[in-house]
Amino acid sequence: MARPEPDPKAAAGQGRKPSPDYEHPNSLFLEIVDWMLAPLLLLWPISIVATSHVAAQIANQPYDRALADDVGALMRLVKVDGDRVTVDLPAAARAVQHVDDTDALYYQIVGPDGKLIQGDRDFPPPLLPAKPEAGKIRFRDERIETEAVRVAYAFIPVGGEQPPLVVQVAETRRKREALSSSIIYGVLLPQFSIVPLALILIYLGLARGIAPLGSLRDRIRGRRPADLSPIPADRVPVEVRPLVVAFNEMMERLEDNLQAQQRFIAEAAHQMRTPLTGLKMQTEIALSETDPARMRHALQLIAESTDRASRMVNQLLTLARAEASHEKLHRVVPLDLDALARDVAEEWVVRALAKRIDFGFEDSGRPLWIEGVPLLLHELLNNLVDNAIKYTPPGGHVTVRTRAAEQVVIEVEDDGIGIPFDERARIFERFYRVLGTDSDGSGLGLTIVAEIAELHRASIDLFTGRGGKGSMFRVSFGHHRSKARRTG
């Protein structure tokens, strides 16, 4: 009976963990809104201040011209004859002292000696410039009693070294302030409607602008769990296209990893089938035997096959652990590679002596600090030493050495059967074994070494041993770190 085809959306959603609730969600939409509103809210008060300043200048212009005309009229009525100053302004005085319904006008004429000739006494005196220009009308803001006024004034030279005459006309600022307020309200009131409208348009524009991101999210969520095909990048905005391209590259790497895992599982199953089949046959032979000696021999073969199968399973697990994200499985810590190599060498002394192999360790004479995963580096050295002892005949030599210059280096050298040049390129492939060797092995040891070296960003090289015999594997790590730097 055929199984029903699962719904893509249901399959995509099934088993998916709910999105975590972040304490501080990072919203691109809100981030853009904040960066657009912050300058707007900052510029708005500045705009109000600038508008007030410009409105005050605009409101001053017509009234300043009227004040200047009054000052000019007064100056024409002042007569200077030597040291004598006369002012003839019966009608002009009445015009200057005119008081309307809004503002009040004040005037003052002061002689060279500082005495009042005509006008009001409560005028603040102006600052006398170093070289007063005759007839030039100036303006300033003052207060008469408690009233703010705008003052227009000019100087009339008398002659000689005497100070000039001063003619001043002042006007209260009520009409000016009313005109300035009208200008400000006329400019700012539309802004109170424009700003909310701008916020609404910004919101709608951003919502429309990020809509393709929501569409992209729906397309990704709607995929089947096993669909790792690339996302078409021509249907996404230009700004998001680099992200989609990077995502497609990640999916491609994930696809390669999954295919590699599938090949690894198939190869591992094939490799495990052989020892399991042998175990079954040897078990059947042992069950059919009645002779205790033959039965013991069969059981011994079963034990050896079980050891080989157990060794292969352990290496498969180590390889899977090395290919996984080791940052999650194991913590990278500072470690002394010299001490680690010495510990590994001590573990293999007994087996080397049992095979009558001269096994030696040459240290660097100082700690060699690197960053690494102790368990994985221990397995790397174990596999290198295991290979060296396995393929070195009795009476041979195996040496483990550490040294450091610009890089931290560990070497495992033997004078065994060696590896032909035409096969050295394949020795790190899974389940590959050099032809012509009768030693037991799964073909995974050097693969594990290569994976662990890659995880530690180390390089591994193969050379011929000293005297042209055997092999020497050299693993080179990054720059040497001193202990003081490590602890500092």
Protein backbone atom coordinates (compact mmCIF):
# COMPACT_ATOMS: atom_id res chain seq x y z
CA MET A 1 0.00 0.00 0.00
CA ALA A 2 1.45 3.34 -1.08
CA ARG A 3 2.09 5.88 1.63
CA PRO A 4 0.45 9.30 1.16
CA GLU A 5 2.73 12.15 0.07
CA PRO A 6 3.29 14.47 3.05
CA ASP A 7 2.20 18.05 2.76
CA PRO A 8 5.26 20.27 2.19
CA LYS A 9 4.19 22.92 4.68
CA ALA A 10 3.27 20.34 7.29
CA ALA A 11 6.55 18.50 6.71
CA ALA A 12 8.49 21.70 6.97
CA GLY A 13 6.77 22.72 10.14
CA GLN A 14 6.74 19.31 11.80
CA GLY A 15 9.54 18.83 14.25
CA ARG A 16 10.66 22.42 14.01
CA LYS A 17 11.50 23.95 17.32
CA PRO A 18 9.64 27.13 18.15
CA SER A 19 11.62 30.31 17.64
CA PRO A 20 13.24 31.41 20.89
CA ASP A 21 11.97 34.55 22.56
CA TYR A 22 14.99 36.82 22.67
CA GLU A 23 15.27 39.31 25.47
CA HIS A 24 16.37 42.01 23.03
CA PRO A 25 14.93 41.27 19.59
CA ASN A 26 16.85 42.84 16.76
CA SER A 27 14.26 44.15 14.31
CA LEU A 28 15.55 45.54 11.03
CA PHE A 29 12.25 47.39 10.56
CA LEU A 30 12.43 49.08 13.96
CA GLU A 31 16.13 49.80 13.50
CA ILE A 32 15.45 51.71 10.26
CA VAL A 33 12.50 53.54 11.82
CA ASP A 34 14.65 54.56 14.79
CA TRP A 35 17.43 55.87 12.56
CA MET A 36 14.92 57.87 10.52
CA LEU A 37 12.95 59.23 13.45
CA ALA A 38 15.93 60.16 15.61
CA PRO A 39 17.32 62.75 13.14
CA LEU A 40 13.79 63.99 12.44
CA LEU A 41 13.02 64.52 16.12
CA LEU A 42 16.44 66.12 16.60
CA LEU A 43 16.06 68.48 13.64
CA TRP A 44 12.53 69.54 14.53
CA PRO A 45 13.52 71.66 17.61
CA ILE A 46 16.43 73.07 15.61
CA SER A 47 13.98 73.99 12.86
CA ILE A 48 11.71 75.73 15.38
CA VAL A 49 14.62 77.78 16.76
CA ALA A 50 15.84 78.67 13.26
CA THR A 51 12.29 79.60 12.18
CA SER A 52 11.91 81.87 15.22
CA HIS A 53 15.19 83.59 14.46
CA VAL A 54 14.34 84.12 10.78
CA ALA A 55 10.80 85.29 11.67
CA ALA A 56 12.24 87.87 14.10
CA GLN A 57 14.57 89.17 11.38
CA ILE A 58 11.74 89.37 8.84
CA ALA A 59 9.45 91.15 11.36
CA ASN A 60 12.19 93.68 12.18
CA GLN A 61 12.81 94.79 8.61
CA PRO A 62 9.70 97.01 7.92
CA TYR A 63 9.66 98.51 11.39
CA ASP A 64 13.41 99.13 11.33
CA ARG A 65 12.96 101.10 8.09
CA ALA A 66 10.28 103.26 9.78
CA LEU A 67 12.58 103.87 12.78
CA ALA A 68 15.41 104.80 10.42
CA ASP A 69 13.15 107.32 8.70
CA ASP A 70 12.30 108.88 12.08
CA VAL A 71 15.98 109.15 12.98
CA GLY A 72 16.71 110.74 9.61
CA ALA A 73 13.90 113.25 10.10
CA LEU A 74 15.29 114.24 13.49
CA MET A 75 18.83 114.55 12.15
CA ARG A 76 17.64 116.99 9.48
CA LEU A 77 16.12 119.20 12.17
CA VAL A 78 19.39 119.44 14.15
CA LYS A 79 21.55 122.45 13.30
CA VAL A 80 25.22 122.66 14.39
CA ASP A 81 26.90 126.06 14.24
CA GLY A 82 30.35 125.80 15.80
CA ASP A 83 29.76 125.02 19.44
CA ARG A 84 26.10 125.90 19.22
CA VAL A 85 23.49 123.18 18.63
CA THR A 86 19.85 124.04 17.89
CA VAL A 87 16.89 121.77 17.28
CA ASP A 88 13.74 123.04 15.60
CA LEU A 89 11.09 120.34 15.83
CA PRO A 90 7.75 121.58 17.09
CA ALA A 91 5.75 119.60 14.54
CA ALA A 92 8.27 116.74 14.17
CA ALA A 93 8.34 116.24 17.89
CA ARG A 94 4.63 115.64 17.93
CA ALA A 95 5.00 113.10 15.12
CA VAL A 96 7.85 111.24 16.80
CA GLN A 97 6.06 111.14 20.14
CA HIS A 98 3.00 109.66 18.49
CA VAL A 99 1.57 106.78 20.45
CA ASP A 100 -0.71 104.35 18.60
CA ASP A 101 -2.95 101.61 20.01
CA THR A 102 -0.17 99.04 20.05
CA ASP A 103 3.32 100.51 20.40
CA ALA A 104 4.89 103.61 21.96
CA LEU A 105 7.65 105.72 20.43
CA TYR A 106 10.47 107.48 22.30
CA TYR A 107 13.16 109.85 21.07
CA GLN A 108 16.24 111.55 22.47
CA ILE A 109 18.85 114.05 21.27
CA VAL A 110 22.01 114.31 23.40
CA GLY A 111 24.65 116.97 22.90
CA PRO A 112 28.45 116.56 22.85
CA ASP A 113 28.63 117.24 26.57
CA GLY A 114 26.21 114.41 27.30
CA LYS A 115 23.36 116.70 28.22
CA LEU A 116 19.85 116.08 26.99
CA ILE A 117 18.80 118.55 24.29
CA GLN A 118 15.38 117.15 23.42
CA GLY A 119 13.31 114.05 24.17
CA ASP A 120 13.10 111.41 26.91
CA ARG A 121 15.63 111.02 29.68
CA ASP A 122 15.28 107.24 30.29
CA PHE A 123 17.23 106.19 27.20
CA PRO A 124 20.24 103.94 27.81
CA PRO A 125 23.29 105.55 26.20
CA PRO A 126 24.78 103.78 23.16
CA LEU A 127 28.35 102.54 22.90
CA LEU A 128 30.44 105.18 21.18
CA PRO A 129 32.54 103.61 18.39
CA ALA A 130 36.18 104.59 17.90
CA LYS A 131 35.38 106.31 14.59
CA PRO A 132 31.68 107.11 14.42
CA GLU A 133 30.40 107.48 10.86
CA ALA A 134 28.25 110.56 10.36
CA GLY A 135 24.71 109.80 9.35
CA LYS A 136 25.01 105.99 9.59
CA ILE A 137 21.96 104.58 11.34
CA ARG A 138 22.51 101.65 13.70
CA PHE A 139 20.09 99.39 15.58
CA ARG A 140 20.11 97.66 18.96
CA ASP A 141 17.72 96.06 21.43
CA GLU A 142 17.25 97.70 24.84
CA ARG A 143 14.79 98.04 27.69
CA ILE A 144 13.15 101.29 28.79
CA GLU A 145 11.83 100.80 32.28
CA THR A 146 10.29 97.29 31.98
CA GLU A 147 9.48 97.47 28.29
CA ALA A 148 11.54 95.80 25.56
CA VAL A 149 12.28 98.27 22.77
CA ARG A 150 14.02 98.43 19.44
CA VAL A 151 16.37 101.44 19.18
CA ALA A 152 17.61 103.22 16.03
CA TYR A 153 20.39 105.76 16.56
CA ALA A 154 22.94 107.82 14.67
CA PHE A 155 25.84 110.21 15.37
CA ILE A 156 26.24 113.81 14.16
CA PRO A 157 29.83 115.10 14.28
CA VAL A 158 30.27 118.50 15.91
CA GLY A 159 33.88 119.21 14.92
CA GLY A 160 37.21 119.28 16.64
CA GLU A 161 37.83 116.68 19.30
CA GLN A 162 34.34 116.89 20.77
CA PRO A 163 32.12 113.80 20.97
CA PRO A 164 29.34 113.66 18.37
CA LEU A 165 25.68 114.35 18.97
CA VAL A 166 23.51 111.31 19.48
CA VAL A 167 20.03 111.01 17.95
CA GLN A 168 17.95 108.00 19.12
CA VAL A 169 14.42 106.77 18.41
CA ALA A 170 12.94 103.75 20.21
CA GLU A 171 9.81 101.73 19.65
CA THR A 172 8.22 99.00 21.74
CA ARG A 173 8.19 95.50 20.16
CA ARG A 174 4.53 94.51 20.34
CA LYS A 175 3.76 94.78 16.62
CA ARG A 176 7.07 93.10 15.78
CA GLU A 177 6.36 90.19 18.11
CA ALA A 178 2.85 89.84 16.72
CA LEU A 179 4.20 89.71 13.16
CA SER A 180 6.94 87.27 14.17
CA SER A 181 4.39 85.01 15.90
CA SER A 182 2.21 85.05 12.80
CA ILE A 183 5.17 83.99 10.63
CA ILE A 184 6.15 81.22 13.09
CA TYR A 185 2.63 79.84 13.31
CA GLY A 186 2.28 79.98 9.54
CA VAL A 187 5.43 77.93 9.10
CA LEU A 188 5.21 75.52 12.04
CA LEU A 189 1.53 74.66 11.97
CA PRO A 190 1.85 72.80 8.64
CA GLN A 191 4.76 70.84 10.14
CA PHE A 192 2.48 69.42 12.83
CA SER A 193 0.46 67.79 10.07
CA ILE A 194 3.43 67.03 7.79
CA VAL A 195 5.44 65.14 10.44
CA PRO A 196 2.69 62.59 11.31
CA LEU A 197 2.00 62.19 7.58
CA ALA A 198 5.72 61.61 7.00
CA LEU A 199 5.78 58.97 9.76
CA ILE A 200 2.85 57.16 8.16
CA LEU A 201 4.51 57.27 4.74
CA ILE A 202 7.80 56.04 6.23
CA TYR A 203 6.02 53.16 7.93
CA LEU A 204 4.17 52.17 4.74
CA GLY A 205 7.33 52.54 2.66
CA LEU A 206 9.38 50.37 4.99
CA ALA A 207 6.63 47.77 5.24
CA ARG A 208 6.52 47.57 1.46
CA GLY A 209 10.31 47.60 1.22
CA ILE A 210 10.83 44.62 3.53
CA ALA A 211 7.89 42.66 2.12
CA PRO A 212 10.28 40.61 -0.11
CA LEU A 213 12.00 39.40 3.08
CA GLY A 214 8.70 37.97 4.30
CA SER A 215 8.16 36.33 0.92
CA LEU A 216 11.65 34.85 1.08
CA ARG A 217 10.95 33.56 4.60
CA ASP A 218 7.73 31.87 3.42
CA ARG A 219 9.52 30.26 0.48
CA ILE A 220 12.19 28.83 2.79
CA ARG A 221 9.64 27.60 5.34
CA GLY A 222 7.56 25.99 2.59
CA ARG A 223 10.41 23.73 1.50
CA ARG A 224 10.60 20.03 2.24
CA PRO A 225 13.05 19.12 5.01
CA ALA A 226 15.35 17.33 2.55
CA ASP A 227 15.27 20.10 -0.08
CA LEU A 228 18.72 21.72 -0.07
CA SER A 229 18.54 23.16 -3.58
CA PRO A 230 19.70 26.79 -3.98
CA ILE A 231 17.22 29.64 -3.68
CA PRO A 232 16.84 31.67 -6.92
CA ALA A 233 18.68 34.92 -6.26
CA ASP A 234 17.10 36.83 -9.16
CA ARG A 235 13.79 37.21 -7.30
CA VAL A 236 15.15 38.93 -4.23
CA PRO A 237 16.17 42.59 -3.73
CA VAL A 238 19.71 43.59 -4.61
CA GLU A 239 20.51 44.37 -0.95
CA VAL A 240 19.46 40.86 0.15
CA ARG A 241 21.07 39.05 -2.76
CA PRO A 242 24.53 38.65 -1.09
CA LEU A 243 22.80 37.08 1.92
CA VAL A 244 20.90 34.64 -0.33
CA VAL A 245 24.10 33.79 -2.21
CA ALA A 246 25.91 33.12 1.09
CA PHE A 247 22.94 31.02 2.26
CA ASN A 248 23.06 29.00 -0.98
CA GLU A 249 26.79 28.42 -0.49
CA MET A 250 26.10 27.19 3.04
CA MET A 251 23.37 24.87 1.73
CA GLU A 252 25.80 23.56 -0.88
CA ARG A 253 28.35 22.79 1.82
CA LEU A 254 25.64 21.13 3.88
CA GLU A 255 24.63 19.04 0.87
CA ASP A 256 28.24 17.97 0.37
CA ASN A 257 28.51 17.04 4.06
CA LEU A 258 25.31 15.01 3.92
CA GLN A 259 26.46 13.18 0.81
CA ALA A 260 29.83 12.52 2.45
CA GLN A 261 28.04 11.13 5.51
CA GLN A 262 25.88 8.91 3.33
CA ARG A 263 28.96 7.59 1.54
CA PHE A 264 30.67 7.11 4.89
CA ILE A 265 27.71 5.14 6.26
CA ALA A 266 27.60 2.96 3.14
CA GLU A 267 31.35 2.31 3.27
CA ALA A 268 31.25 1.67 7.02
CA ALA A 269 28.38 -0.80 6.59
CA HIS A 270 30.34 -2.55 3.85
CA GLN A 271 33.48 -2.73 5.99
CA MET A 272 31.57 -3.99 9.03
CA ARG A 273 29.89 -6.72 6.99
CA THR A 274 33.21 -8.54 6.47
CA PRO A 275 34.21 -9.02 10.16
CA LEU A 276 30.61 -9.83 11.13
CA THR A 277 30.42 -12.48 8.41
CA GLY A 278 33.72 -13.94 9.61
CA LEU A 279 32.47 -13.95 13.20
CA LYS A 280 29.37 -15.84 12.16
CA MET A 281 31.34 -18.46 10.21
CA GLN A 282 33.86 -18.92 13.02
CA THR A 283 31.04 -19.24 15.54
CA GLU A 284 29.37 -21.93 13.42
CA ILE A 285 32.68 -23.79 13.13
CA ALA A 286 33.21 -23.58 16.88
CA LEU A 287 29.72 -24.95 17.53
CA SER A 288 30.32 -27.88 15.19
CA GLU A 289 33.65 -28.82 16.76
CA THR A 290 33.86 -31.60 19.33
CA ASP A 291 37.63 -31.55 19.73
CA PRO A 292 38.46 -29.21 22.64
CA ALA A 293 41.74 -28.07 21.01
CA ARG A 294 40.06 -27.12 17.72
CA MET A 295 37.19 -25.48 19.61
CA ARG A 296 39.70 -23.43 21.59
CA HIS A 297 41.43 -22.36 18.37
CA ALA A 298 38.10 -21.34 16.86
CA LEU A 299 37.21 -19.35 19.96
CA GLN A 300 40.60 -17.64 19.80
CA LEU A 301 39.90 -16.61 16.20
CA ILE A 302 36.50 -15.30 17.31
CA ALA A 303 38.16 -13.20 20.02
CA GLU A 304 40.67 -11.76 17.52
CA SER A 305 37.89 -10.94 15.06
CA THR A 306 35.91 -9.33 17.86
CA ASP A 307 38.91 -7.17 18.76
CA ARG A 308 39.28 -6.05 15.14
CA ALA A 309 35.57 -5.27 14.87
CA SER A 310 35.67 -3.37 18.16
CA ARG A 311 38.72 -1.43 16.97
CA MET A 312 36.95 -0.53 13.72
CA VAL A 313 33.80 0.59 15.57
CA ASN A 314 35.87 2.77 17.89
CA GLN A 315 37.68 4.32 14.93
CA LEU A 316 34.38 4.95 13.15
CA LEU A 317 33.07 6.72 16.24
CA THR A 318 36.29 8.74 16.56
CA LEU A 319 36.10 9.75 12.89
CA ALA A 320 32.45 10.78 13.26
CA ARG A 321 33.35 12.79 16.37
CA ALA A 322 36.24 14.47 14.56
CA GLU A 323 34.05 15.37 11.56
CA ALA A 324 31.39 16.84 13.84
CA SER A 325 31.48 20.38 15.23
CA HIS A 326 34.21 19.83 17.79
CA GLU A 327 33.53 23.22 19.36
CA LYS A 328 30.24 21.80 20.60
CA LEU A 329 31.57 18.38 21.61
CA HIS A 330 34.89 19.38 23.10
CA ARG A 331 36.26 22.57 24.54
CA VAL A 332 39.42 24.02 23.01
CA VAL A 333 41.94 24.68 25.78
CA PRO A 334 45.64 25.61 26.00
CA LEU A 335 47.71 22.43 26.29
CA ASP A 336 51.37 21.44 26.34
CA LEU A 337 51.94 19.29 23.24
CA ASP A 338 55.30 18.13 24.61
CA ALA A 339 53.66 16.69 27.74
CA LEU A 340 50.84 15.15 25.70
CA ALA A 341 53.30 13.43 23.36
CA ARG A 342 55.27 12.08 26.34
CA ASP A 343 52.10 10.58 27.87
CA VAL A 344 51.15 8.90 24.59
CA ALA A 345 54.65 7.51 24.12
CA GLU A 346 54.58 6.00 27.61
CA GLU A 347 51.32 4.21 26.79
CA TRP A 348 52.93 2.44 23.80
CA VAL A 349 56.19 1.32 25.42
CA VAL A 350 54.86 -2.07 26.49
CA ARG A 351 53.50 -2.96 23.04
CA ALA A 352 56.70 -1.81 21.35
CA LEU A 353 58.81 -3.95 23.71
CA ALA A 354 56.51 -6.93 23.11
CA LYS A 355 57.31 -6.66 19.38
CA ARG A 356 61.02 -6.10 20.13
CA ILE A 357 60.99 -2.57 18.69
CA ASP A 358 63.38 0.13 19.88
CA PHE A 359 60.87 2.81 20.89
CA GLY A 360 62.15 6.29 21.78
CA PHE A 361 60.90 9.76 22.64
CA GLU A 362 62.78 13.00 21.93
CA ASP A 363 61.32 16.07 23.60
CA SER A 364 61.97 19.72 22.85
CA GLY A 365 63.17 20.50 26.34
CA ARG A 366 60.47 23.08 27.01
CA PRO A 367 56.67 23.32 27.10
CA LEU A 368 55.01 23.69 23.68
CA TRP A 369 51.72 25.48 24.26
CA ILE A 370 49.03 25.29 21.59
CA GLU A 371 45.23 25.62 21.49
CA GLY A 372 43.52 22.27 20.99
CA VAL A 373 41.22 19.49 22.11
CA PRO A 374 43.23 17.09 24.29
CA LEU A 375 41.07 14.02 23.56
CA LEU A 376 41.31 14.44 19.77
CA LEU A 377 45.04 15.21 19.77
CA HIS A 378 45.59 12.15 21.95
CA GLU A 379 43.77 10.07 19.32
CA LEU A 380 45.85 11.65 16.52
CA LEU A 381 49.12 10.62 18.18
CA ASN A 382 47.74 7.20 19.06
CA ASN A 383 46.95 6.45 15.42
CA LEU A 384 50.35 7.66 14.18
CA VAL A 385 52.24 5.57 16.76
CA ASP A 386 49.95 2.56 16.16
CA ASN A 387 50.68 2.68 12.43
CA ALA A 388 54.42 3.05 13.03
CA ILE A 389 54.59 0.03 15.38
CA LYS A 390 52.20 -2.02 13.23
CA TYR A 391 54.25 -1.66 10.03
CA THR A 392 57.72 -1.86 11.63
CA PRO A 393 59.22 -5.37 11.83
CA PRO A 394 60.81 -6.73 15.03
CA GLY A 395 64.21 -5.18 15.65
CA GLY A 396 63.18 -1.87 14.05
CA HIS A 397 63.04 1.63 15.47
CA VAL A 398 60.14 4.00 16.16
CA THR A 399 60.73 7.54 17.43
CA VAL A 400 58.30 10.20 18.62
CA ARG A 401 59.77 13.70 18.78
CA THR A 402 58.59 17.23 19.41
CA ARG A 403 60.29 20.48 18.48
CA ALA A 404 59.45 24.12 17.95
CA ALA A 405 60.75 27.01 15.93
CA GLU A 406 58.21 29.21 14.22
CA GLN A 407 55.73 26.33 14.45
CA VAL A 408 55.09 23.56 16.93
CA VAL A 409 55.96 20.25 15.26
CA ILE A 410 55.45 16.64 16.28
CA GLU A 411 57.00 13.79 14.29
CA VAL A 412 56.51 10.02 14.35
CA GLU A 413 59.31 8.22 12.48
CA ASP A 414 59.92 4.52 11.82
CA ASP A 415 62.24 2.38 9.70
CA GLY A 416 59.55 -0.08 8.66
CA ILE A 417 58.23 -1.09 5.25
CA GLY A 418 57.46 2.53 4.23
CA ILE A 419 54.83 3.79 1.81
CA PRO A 420 55.45 3.85 -1.97
CA PHE A 421 55.45 7.29 -3.59
CA ASP A 422 52.62 6.43 -5.98
CA GLU A 423 50.32 5.53 -3.06
CA ARG A 424 51.07 8.44 -0.71
CA ALA A 425 48.34 10.62 -2.23
CA ARG A 426 45.65 8.10 -1.17
CA ILE A 427 46.73 7.10 2.32
CA PHE A 428 44.34 9.60 3.96
CA GLU A 429 41.29 8.21 2.14
CA ARG A 430 38.77 6.26 4.16
CA PHE A 431 39.27 2.48 4.29
CA TYR A 432 42.29 2.68 1.99
CA ARG A 433 45.14 0.33 2.85
CA VAL A 434 48.50 0.06 1.15
CA LEU A 435 48.71 -3.06 -0.97
CA GLY A 436 51.15 -5.76 -0.01
CA THR A 437 50.78 -5.36 3.78
CA ASP A 438 49.58 -8.26 5.86
CA SER A 439 48.89 -6.29 9.05
CA ASP A 440 45.35 -5.98 10.30
CA GLY A 441 43.77 -2.57 9.94
CA SER A 442 40.58 -0.79 9.04
CA GLY A 443 42.07 1.91 6.81
CA LEU A 444 40.69 4.64 9.07
CA GLY A 445 43.67 5.55 11.22
CA LEU A 446 45.28 8.10 8.88
CA THR A 447 41.87 9.43 7.87
CA ILE A 448 41.24 10.24 11.53
CA VAL A 449 44.68 11.86 11.77
CA ALA A 450 43.92 14.08 8.77
CA GLU A 451 40.48 15.11 10.11
CA ILE A 452 41.84 16.01 13.55
CA ALA A 453 44.75 17.95 12.02
CA GLU A 454 42.34 19.91 9.84
CA LEU A 455 40.14 20.74 12.83
CA HIS A 456 43.22 22.18 14.58
CA ARG A 457 44.30 24.04 11.42
CA ALA A 458 47.48 21.98 11.36
CA SER A 459 49.27 20.58 8.31
CA ILE A 460 50.40 16.96 7.99
CA ASP A 461 53.24 15.86 5.74
CA LEU A 462 54.75 12.48 4.90
CA PHE A 463 58.48 11.99 4.34
CA THR A 464 60.76 9.03 3.93
CA GLY A 465 62.54 8.05 7.14
CA ARG A 466 66.23 8.49 7.82
CA GLY A 467 68.49 6.32 5.74
CA GLY A 468 65.81 6.05 3.05
CA LYS A 469 63.80 3.53 5.06
CA GLY A 470 60.35 3.70 6.63
CA SER A 471 58.16 6.77 6.96
CA MET A 472 58.06 9.96 8.97
CA PHE A 473 54.76 11.78 9.58
CA ARG A 474 55.10 15.43 10.57
CA VAL A 475 52.18 17.43 12.02
CA SER A 476 52.83 21.19 12.14
CA PHE A 477 50.64 23.43 14.29
CA GLY A 478 50.37 27.21 14.42
CA HIS A 479 52.84 29.67 15.92
CA HIS A 480 54.46 28.68 19.19
CA ARG A 481 52.99 30.35 22.29
CA SER A 482 55.07 30.89 25.39
CA LYS A 483 53.65 30.04 28.79
CA ALA A 484 53.79 33.68 29.90
CA ARG A 485 51.70 34.70 26.91
CA ARG A 486 49.29 31.86 27.53
CA THR A 487 48.62 32.86 31.11
CA GLY A 488 48.64 36.56 30.31
